[in-house]
Amino acid sequence: MDELFEQTRGVYVNESFHKFRNKFTKQIAFNVIPRIDDFMGDGATREKWKTVAETRNNLDPDLQVTATCARVPVFIGHAEAVSTASTSGWWPTTCARGRR
Protein backbone atom coordinates (compact mmCIF):
# COMPACT_ATOMS: atom_id res chain seq x y z
CA MET A 1 0.00 0.00 0.00
CA ASP A 2 2.87 2.37 0.72
CA GLU A 3 4.22 1.98 -2.80
CA LEU A 4 0.79 2.61 -4.31
CA PHE A 5 0.28 5.65 -2.10
CA GLU A 6 3.70 7.16 -2.84
CA GLN A 7 3.37 6.56 -6.59
CA THR A 8 -0.13 8.07 -6.60
CA ARG A 9 1.10 11.12 -4.72
CA GLY A 10 4.08 11.32 -7.07
CA VAL A 11 1.80 11.50 -10.11
CA TYR A 12 0.03 14.53 -8.65
CA VAL A 13 3.23 16.36 -7.72
CA ASN A 14 5.02 15.35 -10.94
CA GLU A 15 7.69 13.09 -9.43
CA SER A 16 9.09 10.04 -11.19
CA PHE A 17 7.60 6.72 -10.06
CA HIS A 18 11.13 5.25 -10.13
CA LYS A 19 11.76 7.01 -6.84
CA PHE A 20 8.97 4.95 -5.22
CA ARG A 21 9.53 1.61 -6.95
CA ASN A 22 10.23 -1.00 -4.29
CA LYS A 23 8.38 -4.27 -4.78
CA PHE A 24 7.05 -3.85 -8.32
CA THR A 25 9.24 -3.39 -11.40
CA LYS A 26 6.71 -1.12 -13.14
CA GLN A 27 4.50 1.75 -12.05
CA ILE A 28 1.42 0.40 -10.28
CA ALA A 29 -0.39 3.70 -9.66
CA PHE A 30 -3.03 4.25 -12.36
CA ASN A 31 -2.05 0.97 -13.99
CA VAL A 32 -3.28 -2.63 -14.34
CA ILE A 33 -1.11 -5.61 -13.46
CA PRO A 34 -1.69 -8.44 -15.95
CA ARG A 35 0.24 -11.18 -14.15
CA ILE A 36 -1.00 -12.18 -10.72
CA ASP A 37 0.85 -14.84 -8.71
CA ASP A 38 3.12 -17.59 -10.00
CA PHE A 39 2.67 -19.64 -13.15
CA MET A 40 1.63 -23.26 -12.72
CA GLY A 41 2.58 -26.26 -14.86
CA ASP A 42 -0.24 -25.72 -17.37
CA GLY A 43 0.81 -22.09 -18.02
CA ALA A 44 -2.03 -20.53 -16.01
CA THR A 45 -1.39 -18.42 -12.94
CA ARG A 46 -2.53 -19.51 -9.49
CA GLU A 47 -4.98 -16.59 -9.47
CA LYS A 48 -6.57 -17.78 -12.70
CA TRP A 49 -6.85 -21.31 -11.29
CA LYS A 50 -8.50 -19.96 -8.10
CA THR A 51 -11.00 -17.90 -10.13
CA VAL A 52 -12.04 -20.95 -12.15
CA ALA A 53 -12.29 -23.15 -9.04
CA GLU A 54 -14.33 -20.59 -7.07
CA THR A 55 -16.71 -19.98 -9.98
CA ARG A 56 -17.34 -23.71 -10.38
CA ASN A 57 -17.73 -24.14 -6.63
CA ASN A 58 -20.30 -21.31 -6.41
CA LEU A 59 -22.27 -22.09 -9.56
CA ASP A 60 -21.81 -25.56 -11.04
CA PRO A 61 -18.91 -28.04 -10.78
CA ASP A 62 -19.36 -29.03 -14.45
CA LEU A 63 -19.36 -25.44 -15.73
CA GLN A 64 -16.83 -24.71 -18.47
CA VAL A 65 -14.98 -21.59 -17.30
CA THR A 66 -12.36 -19.49 -19.03
CA ALA A 67 -10.79 -16.84 -16.82
CA THR A 68 -8.70 -13.77 -17.44
CA CYS A 69 -7.23 -12.15 -14.34
CA ALA A 70 -5.70 -8.73 -13.87
CA ARG A 71 -5.11 -6.76 -10.71
CA VAL A 72 -6.12 -3.11 -10.50
CA PRO A 73 -4.27 -1.54 -7.55
CA VAL A 74 -6.76 0.31 -5.34
CA PHE A 75 -6.65 1.43 -1.73
CA ILE A 76 -9.96 -0.06 -0.63
CA GLY A 77 -12.00 -2.89 -2.09
CA HIS A 78 -11.91 -6.05 -4.10
CA ALA A 79 -14.01 -7.02 -7.08
CA GLU A 80 -14.42 -9.79 -9.60
CA ALA A 81 -16.26 -9.59 -12.90
CA VAL A 82 -17.58 -12.77 -14.51
CA SER A 83 -19.01 -12.89 -18.01
CA THR A 84 -20.96 -15.92 -19.14
CA ALA A 85 -22.53 -17.38 -22.23
CA SER A 86 -25.12 -20.14 -22.22
CA THR A 87 -27.35 -21.84 -24.72
CA SER A 88 -29.02 -24.22 -22.25
CA GLY A 89 -30.90 -21.80 -19.97
CA TRP A 90 -29.15 -22.97 -16.79
CA TRP A 91 -28.15 -19.49 -15.65
CA PRO A 92 -31.10 -18.21 -13.50
CA THR A 93 -31.43 -21.41 -11.47
CA THR A 94 -27.70 -21.75 -10.97
CA CYS A 95 -27.28 -18.11 -9.95
CA ALA A 96 -30.06 -18.40 -7.39
CA ARG A 97 -28.39 -21.49 -5.94
CA GLY A 98 -24.97 -19.75 -5.91
CA ARG A 99 -26.30 -16.78 -3.91
CA ARG A 100 -27.44 -18.97 -1.01
C-alpha atoms as a PDB file:
ATOM      1  CA  MET A   1       0.000   0.000   0.000  1.00  0.00           C
ATOM      2  CA  ASP A   2       2.870   2.372   0.720  1.00  0.00           C
ATOM      3  CA  GLU A   3       4.223   1.976  -2.795  1.00  0.00           C
ATOM      4  CA  LEU A   4       0.794   2.614  -4.312  1.00  0.00           C
ATOM      5  CA  PHE A   5       0.285   5.652  -2.101  1.00  0.00           C
ATOM      6  CA  GLU A   6       3.697   7.157  -2.840  1.00  0.00           C
ATOM      7  CA  GLN A   7       3.367   6.560  -6.588  1.00  0.00           C
ATOM      8  CA  THR A   8      -0.132   8.074  -6.604  1.00  0.00           C
ATOM      9  CA  ARG A   9       1.099  11.119  -4.718  1.00  0.00           C
ATOM     10  CA  GLY A  10       4.078  11.319  -7.070  1.00  0.00           C
ATOM     11  CA  VAL A  11       1.799  11.496 -10.109  1.00  0.00           C
ATOM     12  CA  TYR A  12       0.026  14.531  -8.650  1.00  0.00           C
ATOM     13  CA  VAL A  13       3.230  16.361  -7.721  1.00  0.00           C
ATOM     14  CA  ASN A  14       5.017  15.348 -10.944  1.00  0.00           C
ATOM     15  CA  GLU A  15       7.690  13.094  -9.425  1.00  0.00           C
ATOM     16  CA  SER A  16       9.094  10.039 -11.187  1.00  0.00           C
ATOM     17  CA  PHE A  17       7.600   6.724 -10.062  1.00  0.00           C
ATOM     18  CA  HIS A  18      11.127   5.254 -10.128  1.00  0.00           C
ATOM     19  CA  LYS A  19      11.760   7.008  -6.843  1.00  0.00           C
ATOM     20  CA  PHE A  20       8.974   4.952  -5.220  1.00  0.00           C
ATOM     21  CA  ARG A  21       9.533   1.612  -6.950  1.00  0.00           C
ATOM     22  CA  ASN A  22      10.231  -1.000  -4.286  1.00  0.00           C
ATOM     23  CA  LYS A  23       8.379  -4.274  -4.780  1.00  0.00           C
ATOM     24  CA  PHE A  24       7.046  -3.845  -8.319  1.00  0.00           C
ATOM     25  CA  THR A  25       9.238  -3.387 -11.399  1.00  0.00           C
ATOM     26  CA  LYS A  26       6.714  -1.122 -13.137  1.00  0.00           C
ATOM     27  CA  GLN A  27       4.504   1.751 -12.053  1.00  0.00           C
ATOM     28  CA  ILE A  28       1.423   0.404 -10.281  1.00  0.00           C
ATOM     29  CA  ALA A  29      -0.391   3.698  -9.658  1.00  0.00           C
ATOM     30  CA  PHE A  30      -3.029   4.245 -12.365  1.00  0.00           C
ATOM     31  CA  ASN A  31      -2.055   0.971 -13.990  1.00  0.00           C
ATOM     32  CA  VAL A  32      -3.279  -2.626 -14.344  1.00  0.00           C
ATOM     33  CA  ILE A  33      -1.108  -5.610 -13.460  1.00  0.00           C
ATOM     34  CA  PRO A  34      -1.694  -8.439 -15.955  1.00  0.00           C
ATOM     35  CA  ARG A  35       0.238 -11.179 -14.152  1.00  0.00           C
ATOM     36  CA  ILE A  36      -0.999 -12.182 -10.722  1.00  0.00           C
ATOM     37  CA  ASP A  37       0.848 -14.837  -8.708  1.00  0.00           C
ATOM     38  CA  ASP A  38       3.125 -17.588 -10.002  1.00  0.00           C
ATOM     39  CA  PHE A  39       2.675 -19.640 -13.149  1.00  0.00           C
ATOM     40  CA  MET A  40       1.632 -23.262 -12.719  1.00  0.00           C
ATOM     41  CA  GLY A  41       2.585 -26.265 -14.856  1.00  0.00           C
ATOM     42  CA  ASP A  42      -0.241 -25.715 -17.367  1.00  0.00           C
ATOM     43  CA  GLY A  43       0.806 -22.095 -18.017  1.00  0.00           C
ATOM     44  CA  ALA A  44      -2.033 -20.527 -16.015  1.00  0.00           C
ATOM     45  CA  THR A  45      -1.387 -18.420 -12.942  1.00  0.00           C
ATOM     46  CA  ARG A  46      -2.534 -19.513  -9.490  1.00  0.00           C
ATOM     47  CA  GLU A  47      -4.984 -16.587  -9.470  1.00  0.00           C
ATOM     48  CA  LYS A  48      -6.572 -17.785 -12.696  1.00  0.00           C
ATOM     49  CA  TRP A  49      -6.848 -21.308 -11.291  1.00  0.00           C
ATOM     50  CA  LYS A  50      -8.499 -19.958  -8.100  1.00  0.00           C
ATOM     51  CA  THR A  51     -10.998 -17.903 -10.129  1.00  0.00           C
ATOM     52  CA  VAL A  52     -12.042 -20.955 -12.150  1.00  0.00           C
ATOM     53  CA  ALA A  53     -12.289 -23.148  -9.037  1.00  0.00           C
ATOM     54  CA  GLU A  54     -14.329 -20.588  -7.072  1.00  0.00           C
ATOM     55  CA  THR A  55     -16.710 -19.982  -9.975  1.00  0.00           C
ATOM     56  CA  ARG A  56     -17.338 -23.709 -10.377  1.00  0.00           C
ATOM     57  CA  ASN A  57     -17.726 -24.136  -6.627  1.00  0.00           C
ATOM     58  CA  ASN A  58     -20.296 -21.314  -6.409  1.00  0.00           C
ATOM     59  CA  LEU A  59     -22.267 -22.091  -9.556  1.00  0.00           C
ATOM     60  CA  ASP A  60     -21.811 -25.563 -11.045  1.00  0.00           C
ATOM     61  CA  PRO A  61     -18.912 -28.044 -10.784  1.00  0.00           C
ATOM     62  CA  ASP A  62     -19.364 -29.029 -14.450  1.00  0.00           C
ATOM     63  CA  LEU A  63     -19.362 -25.442 -15.728  1.00  0.00           C
ATOM     64  CA  GLN A  64     -16.829 -24.714 -18.468  1.00  0.00           C
ATOM     65  CA  VAL A  65     -14.975 -21.595 -17.299  1.00  0.00           C
ATOM     66  CA  THR A  66     -12.358 -19.490 -19.030  1.00  0.00           C
ATOM     67  CA  ALA A  67     -10.789 -16.843 -16.822  1.00  0.00           C
ATOM     68  CA  THR A  68      -8.698 -13.766 -17.443  1.00  0.00           C
ATOM     69  CA  CYS A  69      -7.235 -12.149 -14.339  1.00  0.00           C
ATOM     70  CA  ALA A  70      -5.703  -8.731 -13.873  1.00  0.00           C
ATOM     71  CA  ARG A  71      -5.110  -6.758 -10.711  1.00  0.00           C
ATOM     72  CA  VAL A  72      -6.120  -3.108 -10.496  1.00  0.00           C
ATOM     73  CA  PRO A  73      -4.272  -1.544  -7.550  1.00  0.00           C
ATOM     74  CA  VAL A  74      -6.760   0.307  -5.342  1.00  0.00           C
ATOM     75  CA  PHE A  75      -6.652   1.432  -1.730  1.00  0.00           C
ATOM     76  CA  ILE A  76      -9.958  -0.057  -0.627  1.00  0.00           C
ATOM     77  CA  GLY A  77     -11.996  -2.892  -2.087  1.00  0.00           C
ATOM     78  CA  HIS A  78     -11.908  -6.054  -4.104  1.00  0.00           C
ATOM     79  CA  ALA A  79     -14.011  -7.022  -7.083  1.00  0.00           C
ATOM     80  CA  GLU A  80     -14.422  -9.786  -9.600  1.00  0.00           C
ATOM     81  CA  ALA A  81     -16.264  -9.591 -12.899  1.00  0.00           C
ATOM     82  CA  VAL A  82     -17.580 -12.768 -14.505  1.00  0.00           C
ATOM     83  CA  SER A  83     -19.009 -12.893 -18.012  1.00  0.00           C
ATOM     84  CA  THR A  84     -20.956 -15.922 -19.136  1.00  0.00           C
ATOM     85  CA  ALA A  85     -22.531 -17.381 -22.228  1.00  0.00           C
ATOM     86  CA  SER A  86     -25.116 -20.137 -22.216  1.00  0.00           C
ATOM     87  CA  THR A  87     -27.352 -21.841 -24.717  1.00  0.00           C
ATOM     88  CA  SER A  88     -29.019 -24.216 -22.245  1.00  0.00           C
ATOM     89  CA  GLY A  89     -30.897 -21.799 -19.972  1.00  0.00           C
ATOM     90  CA  TRP A  90     -29.155 -22.974 -16.789  1.00  0.00           C
ATOM     91  CA  TRP A  91     -28.151 -19.494 -15.650  1.00  0.00           C
ATOM     92  CA  PRO A  92     -31.103 -18.208 -13.504  1.00  0.00           C
ATOM     93  CA  THR A  93     -31.425 -21.407 -11.473  1.00  0.00           C
ATOM     94  CA  THR A  94     -27.697 -21.746 -10.969  1.00  0.00           C
ATOM     95  CA  CYS A  95     -27.283 -18.111  -9.946  1.00  0.00           C
ATOM     96  CA  ALA A  96     -30.057 -18.398  -7.391  1.00  0.00           C
ATOM     97  CA  ARG A  97     -28.388 -21.487  -5.936  1.00  0.00           C
ATOM     98  CA  GLY A  98     -24.974 -19.752  -5.913  1.00  0.00           C
ATOM     99  CA  ARG A  99     -26.303 -16.781  -3.913  1.00  0.00           C
ATOM    100  CA  ARG A 100     -27.440 -18.975  -1.006  1.00  0.00           C
END
